[in-house]
Amino acid sequence: MKRCTSFLAAAALSLGSTAALADPIAILFVGNSYTFGRVDPVLSYNAANVHDLTAAFNAVSSAGSNPFEPHPWGGVPGLFKKFTDEAGLSYDVSISARNAATLRGQFLNTANAAWDLRGNVASQVWNTVVLQEQSDAALPAGRGKNANLAQFNAYADQFERFIHNGAAQTYTETQLYGSLAACQATGASTTTCNTVRTIPQNPNASAATKVYLTDTWARPDMVFAHKITTPDLTTADGRPIVDTSSAGGEATLYYASLAAMSADLHASFAAKAASNPGFAGVIPVGDAFQLAVDQGLVKTGGFYDASGVYVPEQPGDPMNLWWYDYLHASKYGSYLDALVQFGTITGLDPLSLGAGEQAARDLGISAADALTLQRIASQELAIAAVPEPGTWALLAGGLLFGARVVRRRSAASRR
């Protein structure tokens, strides 16, 4: 086993050296505030080495943008870039994102006339594209404010076709969903459903592009009781305060546990990837968050005080994967996100980055915490590499399968 491990480590180093001599791998991260990290130190991290493809749009029109999310953005792509540099890999990293963007919004350019987000995807041939859906959009109906599983499925497929085939399209969403009733079930009006959508050809489509879906994480703000909040525009990061316009009302909760929400997200992304062989796979970020929670390595409760307001971090608190709004990731959560992205896309073990990893130091993450997050990412990727239940008979061994089943049963038992 030791000889095997040494061989794999040497092979990984050889792969890194070989890749560094080749043309850079062009990768595009398509998404939203989860992708660009929402707040510093992640928001602007390594931005000088990431192509922020929406910065120019924002300079023309910032309508709909938040003042506390200034460009240029580094975000999770910036962390990914740092990891690949440290591993001796050559990646040319770009980001096309907008706060609260859905895949539908990205594909149809619904932000404003100055933001051609679909055009970013068509701007060159990509080796890899990573698609990030809005946080709760991939959930089943009624399980989130923006839950819209049919829309997620339809526009994930639209992007996959656009990237791989790129043929021009003219369609209505009534046609896309199969009927007016099915379209209206997504919350769209008759007018919206029957609007003709004209999508020009993608001149840089390539069947060789690897397209991934990022599985998002469970949100404490959808699980634990608290007051309705709104961003405080008097603060540099728009941290949440109680929304007085709601008369101090209680936020709507959709799940009894983080595990139950994680299980639904996992199911949605896994089903989409399984239904469309054009996807290279799912990047299991949400599952990694849940694994950290299940192992008690991060904050698992006490997110809000008795009055329903978030509890700021205190000295000695465990790592918190979420930022103060308990929707977005903290620096720890974004670091874990980027580790899982790195491991999935490059095939390298996140633990190979080690305790001295530079991005962690830059973000103010201790060596011990960095190793813990690397270990979680490594463990999750090992679990994710095992086929879903139903294909276990194909495996020569059962250890990792057992770990997956135990975790899934644990999640189901807490629903």
Foldseek 3Di string as FASTA:
>chain_A
DVVVVVVVVVVLLVVLQVQLPDDAAEEEEEEECLQLQLAPPQFAAQLVQEAEPCLVLCVVPVVPAAPLRHDDTPHLVNLLVLLSVLSNHGHRHYYQYYHQDALVCLQQVPRDPSRNNVVVLLVAAHQEYEYEGGQQCCFPPPQDPNDQNLVNLLSVVVVLCCQAPQAKDKDFQCVSQVHLVSSVVSVDDSCNRPDIGTGHGRPHHHLNHAYEYEQHAFFVLQADKAWDWWFDSVDSSRFTDHDVVVVRHIDHHRDNARLLSLLRSVVSRQVSCVVDVSHPYYLHLRVLVVLCLVVVQADGDPQADPNRAGDDDDPPHGHHQPDNVRRHGDPLSSSLSSLSVNCVPSVDQLCVCALVNDVCVVRVHHSVSNNVSSVSSNLVVLLVVQDDPPCNVVDPDCPSVVVNVVSNVVSVVSD
